[in-house]
C-alpha atoms as a PDB file:
ATOM      1  CA  MET A   1      41.049-170.810 193.321  1.00  0.00           C
ATOM      2  CA  SER A   2      44.460-170.805 192.632  1.00  0.00           C
ATOM      3  CA  GLY A   3      46.364-168.608 190.143  1.00  0.00           C
ATOM      4  CA  ALA A   4      46.900-171.296 187.623  1.00  0.00           C
ATOM      5  CA  SER A   5      43.198-172.378 187.764  1.00  0.00           C
ATOM      6  CA  GLN A   6      42.034-169.072 187.109  1.00  0.00           C
ATOM      7  CA  SER A   7      44.421-168.536 184.305  1.00  0.00           C
ATOM      8  CA  LEU A   8      42.587-171.602 182.796  1.00  0.00           C
ATOM      9  CA  GLU A   9      39.173-170.490 183.284  1.00  0.00           C
ATOM     10  CA  ILE A  10      40.202-166.888 181.695  1.00  0.00           C
ATOM     11  CA  GLY A  11      41.910-168.880 178.527  1.00  0.00           C
ATOM     12  CA  ARG A  12      38.959-171.346 178.252  1.00  0.00           C
ATOM     13  CA  VAL A  13      36.185-170.310 175.805  1.00  0.00           C
ATOM     14  CA  SER A  14      32.745-169.984 177.432  1.00  0.00           C
ATOM     15  CA  PRO A  15      30.601-172.082 175.072  1.00  0.00           C
ATOM     16  CA  ALA A  16      27.886-169.247 174.894  1.00  0.00           C
ATOM     17  CA  ARG A  17      30.704-166.742 173.930  1.00  0.00           C
ATOM     18  CA  ARG A  18      32.273-168.273 170.701  1.00  0.00           C
ATOM     19  CA  PRO A  19      34.735-166.415 168.639  1.00  0.00           C
ATOM     20  CA  PHE A  20      33.137-164.874 165.359  1.00  0.00           C
ATOM     21  CA  ARG A  21      34.209-166.611 162.351  1.00  0.00           C
ATOM     22  CA  PHE A  22      33.418-165.794 158.689  1.00  0.00           C
ATOM     23  CA  GLY A  23      31.623-168.019 156.849  1.00  0.00           C
ATOM     24  CA  THR A  24      28.313-168.779 155.755  1.00  0.00           C
ATOM     25  CA  PRO A  25      25.734-167.023 157.901  1.00  0.00           C
ATOM     26  CA  ARG A  26      23.389-168.371 160.113  1.00  0.00           C
ATOM     27  CA  GLY A  27      19.330-168.271 160.286  1.00  0.00           C
ATOM     28  CA  SER A  28      19.628-165.267 162.401  1.00  0.00           C
ATOM     29  CA  GLU A  29      22.418-163.599 160.705  1.00  0.00           C
ATOM     30  CA  ARG A  30      20.629-164.082 157.146  1.00  0.00           C
ATOM     31  CA  ALA A  31      17.382-162.255 158.787  1.00  0.00           C
ATOM     32  CA  TRP A  32      19.641-159.109 159.902  1.00  0.00           C
ATOM     33  CA  ILE A  33      21.355-158.866 156.454  1.00  0.00           C
ATOM     34  CA  GLY A  34      18.025-159.079 154.877  1.00  0.00           C
ATOM     35  CA  ALA A  35      16.667-156.544 157.198  1.00  0.00           C
ATOM     36  CA  PHE A  36      19.482-154.221 155.999  1.00  0.00           C
ATOM     37  CA  LEU A  37      19.493-155.245 152.143  1.00  0.00           C
ATOM     38  CA  ILE A  38      16.218-155.167 151.557  1.00  0.00           C
ATOM     39  CA  PRO A  39      15.231-151.459 151.928  1.00  0.00           C
ATOM     40  CA  TYR A  40      18.736-150.608 149.717  1.00  0.00           C
ATOM     41  CA  GLY A  41      17.791-152.811 146.932  1.00  0.00           C
ATOM     42  CA  ALA A  42      13.873-151.640 147.013  1.00  0.00           C
ATOM     43  CA  VAL A  43      15.486-148.004 146.742  1.00  0.00           C
ATOM     44  CA  PHE A  44      17.680-149.435 143.753  1.00  0.00           C
ATOM     45  CA  VAL A  45      14.831-151.029 141.626  1.00  0.00           C
ATOM     46  CA  ALA A  46      12.331-147.918 142.276  1.00  0.00           C
ATOM     47  CA  PHE A  47      15.138-144.834 141.661  1.00  0.00           C
ATOM     48  CA  LEU A  48      17.502-146.480 139.189  1.00  0.00           C
ATOM     49  CA  ALA A  49      16.845-149.888 137.444  1.00  0.00           C
ATOM     50  CA  TYR A  50      13.386-149.293 137.077  1.00  0.00           C
ATOM     51  CA  PRO A  51      13.282-145.871 135.433  1.00  0.00           C
ATOM     52  CA  VAL A  52      16.298-146.971 133.354  1.00  0.00           C
ATOM     53  CA  ALA A  53      14.516-149.879 132.050  1.00  0.00           C
ATOM     54  CA  PHE A  54      11.627-148.247 131.451  1.00  0.00           C
ATOM     55  CA  GLY A  55      13.501-145.387 129.436  1.00  0.00           C
ATOM     56  CA  LEU A  56      15.070-148.163 127.287  1.00  0.00           C
ATOM     57  CA  TRP A  57      11.607-150.077 126.699  1.00  0.00           C
ATOM     58  CA  MET A  58      10.245-146.422 125.539  1.00  0.00           C
ATOM     59  CA  GLY A  59      12.811-145.487 123.116  1.00  0.00           C
ATOM     60  CA  SER A  60      13.448-149.130 121.660  1.00  0.00           C
ATOM     61  CA  SER A  61      11.217-148.594 118.704  1.00  0.00           C
ATOM     62  CA  PRO A  62      13.289-148.179 115.583  1.00  0.00           C
ATOM     63  CA  ALA A  63      10.727-146.106 114.228  1.00  0.00           C
ATOM     64  CA  LEU A  64      11.433-143.601 116.667  1.00  0.00           C
ATOM     65  CA  TYR A  65      15.022-143.010 115.478  1.00  0.00           C
ATOM     66  CA  GLY A  66      13.733-142.734 111.966  1.00  0.00           C
ATOM     67  CA  HIS A  67      11.509-139.895 112.876  1.00  0.00           C
ATOM     68  CA  LEU A  68      14.399-138.250 115.034  1.00  0.00           C
ATOM     69  CA  ALA A  69      16.464-138.529 111.709  1.00  0.00           C
ATOM     70  CA  ARG A  70      14.159-136.682 109.850  1.00  0.00           C
ATOM     71  CA  ASP A  71      13.779-133.751 112.577  1.00  0.00           C
ATOM     72  CA  PRO A  72      15.938-130.775 111.321  1.00  0.00           C
ATOM     73  CA  LYS A  73      16.790-129.946 114.816  1.00  0.00           C
ATOM     74  CA  PHE A  74      17.933-133.356 115.607  1.00  0.00           C
ATOM     75  CA  LEU A  75      21.501-133.312 113.460  1.00  0.00           C
ATOM     76  CA  PRO A  76      22.595-129.399 114.819  1.00  0.00           C
ATOM     77  CA  THR A  77      21.733-130.808 118.513  1.00  0.00           C
ATOM     78  CA  VAL A  78      23.901-133.833 118.209  1.00  0.00           C
ATOM     79  CA  VAL A  79      26.633-131.133 116.930  1.00  0.00           C
ATOM     80  CA  ASN A  80      26.121-129.117 120.091  1.00  0.00           C
ATOM     81  CA  THR A  81      26.426-131.682 122.279  1.00  0.00           C
ATOM     82  CA  LEU A  82      29.720-132.938 120.658  1.00  0.00           C
ATOM     83  CA  VAL A  83      31.101-129.655 120.812  1.00  0.00           C
ATOM     84  CA  TYR A  84      29.860-128.831 124.335  1.00  0.00           C
ATOM     85  CA  VAL A  85      31.301-132.002 125.456  1.00  0.00           C
ATOM     86  CA  GLY A  86      34.561-132.114 123.689  1.00  0.00           C
ATOM     87  CA  ILE A  87      35.588-128.357 124.565  1.00  0.00           C
ATOM     88  CA  GLY A  88      34.278-128.454 128.115  1.00  0.00           C
ATOM     89  CA  VAL A  89      35.877-131.669 128.981  1.00  0.00           C
ATOM     90  CA  ASN A  90      39.092-130.984 127.383  1.00  0.00           C
ATOM     91  CA  VAL A  91      39.543-127.699 128.629  1.00  0.00           C
ATOM     92  CA  THR A  92      38.465-128.431 132.065  1.00  0.00           C
ATOM     93  CA  MET A  93      40.847-131.468 132.479  1.00  0.00           C
ATOM     94  CA  PHE A  94      43.847-129.247 131.066  1.00  0.00           C
ATOM     95  CA  GLY A  95      43.224-126.575 133.209  1.00  0.00           C
ATOM     96  CA  ALA A  96      42.821-128.606 136.192  1.00  0.00           C
ATOM     97  CA  LEU A  97      45.839-130.102 135.813  1.00  0.00           C
ATOM     98  CA  LEU A  98      47.626-126.965 135.389  1.00  0.00           C
ATOM     99  CA  LEU A  99      46.202-125.144 138.411  1.00  0.00           C
ATOM    100  CA  SER A 100      46.726-128.403 140.543  1.00  0.00           C
ATOM    101  CA  GLY A 101      50.420-127.421 140.248  1.00  0.00           C
ATOM    102  CA  TYR A 102      50.280-124.054 140.953  1.00  0.00           C
ATOM    103  CA  PHE A 103      48.054-124.987 144.365  1.00  0.00           C
ATOM    104  CA  LEU A 104      51.213-127.347 145.461  1.00  0.00           C
ATOM    105  CA  ASP A 105      52.610-124.294 147.014  1.00  0.00           C
ATOM    106  CA  LYS A 106      52.237-124.413 150.850  1.00  0.00           C
ATOM    107  CA  SER A 107      51.995-120.677 151.530  1.00  0.00           C
ATOM    108  CA  ARG A 108      48.720-119.493 153.495  1.00  0.00           C
ATOM    109  CA  TRP A 109      47.834-117.178 150.925  1.00  0.00           C
ATOM    110  CA  ILE A 110      47.659-119.683 148.315  1.00  0.00           C
ATOM    111  CA  LYS A 111      45.669-122.254 150.529  1.00  0.00           C
ATOM    112  CA  ALA A 112      43.388-119.271 151.265  1.00  0.00           C
ATOM    113  CA  LEU A 113      43.117-118.673 147.437  1.00  0.00           C
ATOM    114  CA  LEU A 114      42.543-122.618 147.033  1.00  0.00           C
ATOM    115  CA  VAL A 115      39.152-122.293 149.514  1.00  0.00           C
ATOM    116  CA  LEU A 116      37.969-119.624 147.269  1.00  0.00           C
ATOM    117  CA  PHE A 117      38.432-121.642 144.320  1.00  0.00           C
ATOM    118  CA  MET A 118      36.336-124.212 145.360  1.00  0.00           C
ATOM    119  CA  LEU A 119      33.317-122.128 145.897  1.00  0.00           C
ATOM    120  CA  PRO A 120      32.103-122.565 142.528  1.00  0.00           C
ATOM    121  CA  TRP A 121      31.651-126.411 142.722  1.00  0.00           C
ATOM    122  CA  ALA A 122      30.393-126.201 146.231  1.00  0.00           C
ATOM    123  CA  LEU A 123      27.639-124.037 145.022  1.00  0.00           C
ATOM    124  CA  PRO A 124      24.209-125.569 144.015  1.00  0.00           C
ATOM    125  CA  ALA A 125      23.911-125.677 140.354  1.00  0.00           C
ATOM    126  CA  ILE A 126      20.462-124.626 139.703  1.00  0.00           C
ATOM    127  CA  PRO A 127      21.091-121.084 141.510  1.00  0.00           C
ATOM    128  CA  ALA A 128      24.715-120.626 140.023  1.00  0.00           C
ATOM    129  CA  PHE A 129      23.528-121.232 136.494  1.00  0.00           C
ATOM    130  CA  VAL A 130      20.677-119.005 136.930  1.00  0.00           C
ATOM    131  CA  SER A 131      22.829-116.459 138.164  1.00  0.00           C
ATOM    132  CA  TRP A 132      24.796-116.941 135.060  1.00  0.00           C
ATOM    133  CA  HIS A 133      21.688-116.369 132.744  1.00  0.00           C
ATOM    134  CA  TRP A 134      20.761-113.091 134.568  1.00  0.00           C
ATOM    135  CA  MET A 135      24.688-111.970 134.362  1.00  0.00           C
ATOM    136  CA  LEU A 136      24.322-112.040 130.537  1.00  0.00           C
ATOM    137  CA  ILE A 137      20.726-111.501 129.731  1.00  0.00           C
ATOM    138  CA  SER A 138      20.244-108.141 127.838  1.00  0.00           C
ATOM    139  CA  HIS A 139      21.833-104.948 128.252  1.00  0.00           C
ATOM    140  CA  HIS A 140      20.957-104.891 131.898  1.00  0.00           C
ATOM    141  CA  GLY A 141      22.752-107.935 132.883  1.00  0.00           C
ATOM    142  CA  LEU A 142      25.877-107.556 135.133  1.00  0.00           C
ATOM    143  CA  VAL A 143      28.135-108.293 132.276  1.00  0.00           C
ATOM    144  CA  ASN A 144      27.145-105.887 129.949  1.00  0.00           C
ATOM    145  CA  SER A 145      26.584-103.091 132.732  1.00  0.00           C
ATOM    146  CA  LEU A 146      30.155-103.611 133.619  1.00  0.00           C
ATOM    147  CA  LEU A 147      31.296-103.104 130.294  1.00  0.00           C
ATOM    148  CA  ASP A 148      29.297-100.039 129.563  1.00  0.00           C
ATOM    149  CA  GLN A 149      30.400 -98.356 133.109  1.00  0.00           C
ATOM    150  CA  VAL A 150      33.995 -99.513 133.273  1.00  0.00           C
ATOM    151  CA  PHE A 151      35.320 -99.248 129.621  1.00  0.00           C
ATOM    152  CA  ASP A 152      32.255 -97.485 128.030  1.00  0.00           C
ATOM    153  CA  ILE A 153      31.488-100.618 125.792  1.00  0.00           C
ATOM    154  CA  GLU A 154      28.292-101.829 124.599  1.00  0.00           C
ATOM    155  CA  GLY A 155      28.140-105.373 125.102  1.00  0.00           C
ATOM    156  CA  PRO A 156      26.554-107.799 122.713  1.00  0.00           C
ATOM    157  CA  ILE A 157      22.939-109.748 123.409  1.00  0.00           C
ATOM    158  CA  TRP A 158      24.586-112.813 124.481  1.00  0.00           C
ATOM    159  CA  PHE A 159      21.639-114.970 123.781  1.00  0.00           C
ATOM    160  CA  ASN A 160      20.800-113.710 120.485  1.00  0.00           C
ATOM    161  CA  GLU A 161      24.330-115.214 118.796  1.00  0.00           C
ATOM    162  CA  TYR A 162      24.430-118.811 118.392  1.00  0.00           C
ATOM    163  CA  TRP A 163      28.231-118.968 119.365  1.00  0.00           C
ATOM    164  CA  LEU A 164      28.165-116.495 122.183  1.00  0.00           C
ATOM    165  CA  ALA A 165      25.363-118.451 123.840  1.00  0.00           C
ATOM    166  CA  LEU A 166      27.011-122.062 122.940  1.00  0.00           C
ATOM    167  CA  GLY A 167      30.386-120.229 124.557  1.00  0.00           C
ATOM    168  CA  ALA A 168      28.287-119.169 127.773  1.00  0.00           C
ATOM    169  CA  ASN A 169      27.318-122.654 128.329  1.00  0.00           C
ATOM    170  CA  ILE A 170      30.825-124.155 128.058  1.00  0.00           C
ATOM    171  CA  VAL A 171      32.207-121.280 130.136  1.00  0.00           C
ATOM    172  CA  ALA A 172      29.748-122.251 132.675  1.00  0.00           C
ATOM    173  CA  THR A 173      30.238-125.568 133.040  1.00  0.00           C
ATOM    174  CA  ILE A 174      34.362-125.094 133.194  1.00  0.00           C
ATOM    175  CA  TRP A 175      33.554-122.622 135.760  1.00  0.00           C
ATOM    176  CA  LYS A 176      31.563-125.247 137.814  1.00  0.00           C
ATOM    177  CA  TRP A 177      33.607-128.334 137.309  1.00  0.00           C
ATOM    178  CA  MET A 178      37.232-127.104 137.041  1.00  0.00           C
ATOM    179  CA  PRO A 179      37.640-126.764 140.702  1.00  0.00           C
ATOM    180  CA  PHE A 180      36.475-130.506 141.417  1.00  0.00           C
ATOM    181  CA  TRP A 181      38.888-131.990 139.088  1.00  0.00           C
ATOM    182  CA  THR A 182      41.523-129.560 140.469  1.00  0.00           C
ATOM    183  CA  LEU A 183      41.256-131.046 143.659  1.00  0.00           C
ATOM    184  CA  ILE A 184      41.622-134.505 142.062  1.00  0.00           C
ATOM    185  CA  PHE A 185      44.513-133.918 140.247  1.00  0.00           C
ATOM    186  CA  LEU A 186      46.121-132.137 143.255  1.00  0.00           C
ATOM    187  CA  ALA A 187      45.527-135.068 145.484  1.00  0.00           C
ATOM    188  CA  GLY A 188      47.360-137.285 142.724  1.00  0.00           C
ATOM    189  CA  ARG A 189      50.503-134.792 142.458  1.00  0.00           C
ATOM    190  CA  MET A 190      50.669-134.917 146.081  1.00  0.00           C
ATOM    191  CA  ALA A 191      50.675-138.821 145.938  1.00  0.00           C
ATOM    192  CA  ILE A 192      54.196-138.671 143.833  1.00  0.00           C
ATOM    193  CA  PRO A 193      56.824-139.482 146.148  1.00  0.00           C
ATOM    194  CA  GLN A 194      59.353-136.572 146.332  1.00  0.00           C
ATOM    195  CA  ASP A 195      62.277-138.815 145.656  1.00  0.00           C
ATOM    196  CA  ILE A 196      61.083-138.820 142.215  1.00  0.00           C
ATOM    197  CA  TYR A 197      61.433-135.141 141.698  1.00  0.00           C
ATOM    198  CA  ASP A 198      64.639-135.300 143.468  1.00  0.00           C
ATOM    199  CA  ALA A 199      66.157-137.516 140.863  1.00  0.00           C
ATOM    200  CA  ALA A 200      64.622-135.498 137.928  1.00  0.00           C
ATOM    201  CA  ASP A 201      66.200-132.517 139.435  1.00  0.00           C
ATOM    202  CA  VAL A 202      69.621-134.318 139.710  1.00  0.00           C
ATOM    203  CA  ASP A 203      69.015-135.168 135.671  1.00  0.00           C
ATOM    204  CA  GLY A 204      68.356-131.701 134.968  1.00  0.00           C
ATOM    205  CA  ALA A 205      64.411-132.012 134.324  1.00  0.00           C
ATOM    206  CA  VAL A 206      63.100-128.964 135.862  1.00  0.00           C
ATOM    207  CA  GLY A 207      60.113-126.824 135.058  1.00  0.00           C
ATOM    208  CA  ILE A 208      58.205-127.775 131.877  1.00  0.00           C
ATOM    209  CA  SER A 209      60.616-130.533 131.408  1.00  0.00           C
ATOM    210  CA  ARG A 210      59.916-132.006 134.879  1.00  0.00           C
ATOM    211  CA  PHE A 211      56.055-131.809 133.870  1.00  0.00           C
ATOM    212  CA  ALA A 212      56.472-133.267 130.594  1.00  0.00           C
ATOM    213  CA  TYR A 213      58.741-136.277 131.449  1.00  0.00           C
ATOM    214  CA  VAL A 214      57.745-136.858 134.983  1.00  0.00           C
ATOM    215  CA  THR A 215      54.767-135.286 136.298  1.00  0.00           C
ATOM    216  CA  PHE A 216      52.332-135.990 133.557  1.00  0.00           C
ATOM    217  CA  PRO A 217      53.568-139.549 132.690  1.00  0.00           C
ATOM    218  CA  LEU A 218      52.771-140.566 136.373  1.00  0.00           C
ATOM    219  CA  LEU A 219      49.088-138.585 136.428  1.00  0.00           C
ATOM    220  CA  GLY A 220      48.443-140.228 132.792  1.00  0.00           C
ATOM    221  CA  ASN A 221      46.053-143.121 134.168  1.00  0.00           C
ATOM    222  CA  LEU A 222      44.703-140.670 136.403  1.00  0.00           C
ATOM    223  CA  TYR A 223      43.956-137.832 133.714  1.00  0.00           C
ATOM    224  CA  LEU A 224      42.409-140.611 131.383  1.00  0.00           C
ATOM    225  CA  ILE A 225      40.230-142.015 134.024  1.00  0.00           C
ATOM    226  CA  CYS A 226      38.736-138.375 135.165  1.00  0.00           C
ATOM    227  CA  THR A 227      38.403-137.284 131.415  1.00  0.00           C
ATOM    228  CA  LEU A 228      36.126-140.627 130.807  1.00  0.00           C
ATOM    229  CA  LEU A 229      34.174-139.739 133.853  1.00  0.00           C
ATOM    230  CA  SER A 230      33.603-135.989 133.125  1.00  0.00           C
ATOM    231  CA  THR A 231      32.809-137.108 129.662  1.00  0.00           C
ATOM    232  CA  LEU A 232      30.135-139.588 130.632  1.00  0.00           C
ATOM    233  CA  TRP A 233      28.638-137.079 133.182  1.00  0.00           C
ATOM    234  CA  LEU A 234      28.726-134.196 130.539  1.00  0.00           C
ATOM    235  CA  ILE A 235      27.020-135.783 127.878  1.00  0.00           C
ATOM    236  CA  GLY A 236      23.947-136.499 130.001  1.00  0.00           C
ATOM    237  CA  ASP A 237      24.173-132.838 131.476  1.00  0.00           C
ATOM    238  CA  PHE A 238      20.874-130.777 131.572  1.00  0.00           C
ATOM    239  CA  THR A 239      21.227-128.153 134.284  1.00  0.00           C
ATOM    240  CA  THR A 240      23.888-126.190 132.562  1.00  0.00           C
ATOM    241  CA  VAL A 241      22.184-125.493 129.225  1.00  0.00           C
ATOM    242  CA  ASN A 242      18.752-125.291 130.531  1.00  0.00           C
ATOM    243  CA  PHE A 243      19.533-122.471 133.061  1.00  0.00           C
ATOM    244  CA  VAL A 244      22.229-120.684 131.258  1.00  0.00           C
ATOM    245  CA  SER A 245      21.169-120.261 127.470  1.00  0.00           C
ATOM    246  CA  ASN A 246      17.834-122.240 127.716  1.00  0.00           C
ATOM    247  CA  GLY A 247      18.580-123.389 124.155  1.00  0.00           C
ATOM    248  CA  ALA A 248      18.589-119.633 123.086  1.00  0.00           C
ATOM    249  CA  PRO A 249      18.457-118.420 120.419  1.00  0.00           C
ATOM    250  CA  ALA A 250      15.320-120.320 118.919  1.00  0.00           C
ATOM    251  CA  ARG A 251      16.679-123.552 120.479  1.00  0.00           C
ATOM    252  CA  MET A 252      19.642-123.552 118.729  1.00  0.00           C
ATOM    253  CA  THR A 253      22.149-124.483 121.518  1.00  0.00           C
ATOM    254  CA  GLU A 254      20.016-127.407 122.940  1.00  0.00           C
ATOM    255  CA  VAL A 255      22.127-130.654 123.612  1.00  0.00           C
ATOM    256  CA  LEU A 256      20.437-133.661 123.550  1.00  0.00           C
ATOM    257  CA  ALA A 257      19.725-133.958 126.949  1.00  0.00           C
ATOM    258  CA  THR A 258      17.430-130.847 126.814  1.00  0.00           C
ATOM    259  CA  TYR A 259      16.269-131.557 123.633  1.00  0.00           C
ATOM    260  CA  GLY A 260      14.797-134.920 124.685  1.00  0.00           C
ATOM    261  CA  THR A 261      13.162-133.399 127.527  1.00  0.00           C
ATOM    262  CA  HIS A 262      11.800-130.740 125.627  1.00  0.00           C
ATOM    263  CA  LEU A 263      10.170-133.545 123.266  1.00  0.00           C
ATOM    264  CA  ALA A 264       9.007-135.473 126.254  1.00  0.00           C
ATOM    265  CA  PHE A 265       7.464-132.849 128.213  1.00  0.00           C
ATOM    266  CA  GLN A 266       6.677-129.938 125.894  1.00  0.00           C
ATOM    267  CA  SER A 267       5.681-131.709 123.048  1.00  0.00           C
ATOM    268  CA  GLY A 268       3.753-134.525 125.042  1.00  0.00           C
ATOM    269  CA  ASP A 269       5.941-137.371 123.108  1.00  0.00           C
ATOM    270  CA  PRO A 270       7.873-138.951 125.943  1.00  0.00           C
ATOM    271  CA  PRO A 271       9.031-142.152 123.696  1.00  0.00           C
ATOM    272  CA  LEU A 272      10.588-139.738 121.301  1.00  0.00           C
ATOM    273  CA  GLY A 273      12.213-137.663 124.039  1.00  0.00           C
ATOM    274  CA  ALA A 274      13.756-140.947 125.688  1.00  0.00           C
ATOM    275  CA  ALA A 275      14.712-142.072 121.947  1.00  0.00           C
ATOM    276  CA  ALA A 276      16.532-138.732 121.852  1.00  0.00           C
ATOM    277  CA  MET A 277      18.524-139.286 124.907  1.00  0.00           C
ATOM    278  CA  LEU A 278      19.469-142.728 124.097  1.00  0.00           C
ATOM    279  CA  SER A 279      20.689-141.558 120.778  1.00  0.00           C
ATOM    280  CA  LEU A 280      24.233-141.359 122.384  1.00  0.00           C
ATOM    281  CA  LEU A 281      24.335-144.881 123.801  1.00  0.00           C
ATOM    282  CA  PRO A 282      26.682-146.370 120.936  1.00  0.00           C
ATOM    283  CA  LEU A 283      29.164-143.728 122.488  1.00  0.00           C
ATOM    284  CA  MET A 284      28.450-143.770 126.047  1.00  0.00           C
ATOM    285  CA  ILE A 285      28.470-147.925 126.365  1.00  0.00           C
ATOM    286  CA  PRO A 286      32.068-148.051 124.770  1.00  0.00           C
ATOM    287  CA  LEU A 287      33.204-145.129 127.199  1.00  0.00           C
ATOM    288  CA  ALA A 288      31.755-146.924 130.240  1.00  0.00           C
ATOM    289  CA  ILE A 289      33.464-150.263 129.384  1.00  0.00           C
ATOM    290  CA  LEU A 290      36.612-148.550 128.597  1.00  0.00           C
ATOM    291  CA  LEU A 291      36.607-146.818 132.245  1.00  0.00           C
ATOM    292  CA  ILE A 292      35.653-149.899 134.144  1.00  0.00           C
ATOM    293  CA  ARG A 293      38.598-151.775 132.509  1.00  0.00           C
ATOM    294  CA  LYS A 294      41.026-148.927 133.101  1.00  0.00           C
ATOM    295  CA  ILE A 295      40.152-148.757 136.454  1.00  0.00           C
ATOM    296  CA  ARG A 296      40.282-152.333 137.011  1.00  0.00           C
ATOM    297  CA  ALA A 297      43.787-152.681 135.252  1.00  0.00           C
ATOM    298  CA  ASP A 298      45.322-149.794 136.912  1.00  0.00           C
ATOM    299  CA  GLU A 299      43.426-149.690 140.124  1.00  0.00           C
ATOM    300  CA  LEU A 300      44.029-145.909 140.423  1.00  0.00           C
ATOM    301  CA  GLN A 301      47.538-146.154 141.107  1.00  0.00           C
ATOM    302  CA  LEU A 302      50.340-143.884 140.154  1.00  0.00           C
END
């Protein structure tokens, strides 16, 4: 066979090996698609769609919310939730934004410090918060022992005072989640082109002025999206309060997640517990809609 004939044979597409084209899948392709999608669909329905739908059905009776309104613990629990989420989210976000600028330094010891700073986020939540509880409990906890041995100060009984117990919950959640959001803001800062900073230096924007007029406006969309996400996550947070203060003193520092769980499992009233957890839906739904619209509008771009 000549070289020209071989070239024609190589260039000709064999009928048995047609090139892949995007389009409507054929019968065998549909079978493979179904084989891969059915397990994921089953898991989604069994562990997400069904529990959410069942919870909404259990908490759908208006009488349940009337019962909650008459419960003297319900309104303080709502206030606890708003204080816990409001302080926890805002302090975490602002602190993470500031620390992300500190960790921009490329020196080796700053990089090593960043690795240590990320450890609280990397630790499993339950052992970490149980450790917080035992560090603060009674006069024999680690914190009070250090105050006594180092400063000769008698520490307070942390979980006997409302504000101390609530503060312990807030500090614990900030300690746990600030490293994660710091890493997010650090990535956002690193995506800002250096040319913008060079132009700001020429215009005399340095230090706080550069942060206020250059960095923060460019990170504004990212900051808002992270704040909305953190708010949604913290509204439903059960682990921190349950394992740090456990609602002490006398269930005065419970949030809606722990309050609803207490009603459902300890008081034996699952519908009332579901209603308690769903009582913040009028706040969560607008936040979720705002988050989705913001992500679609900005596409997470600086």
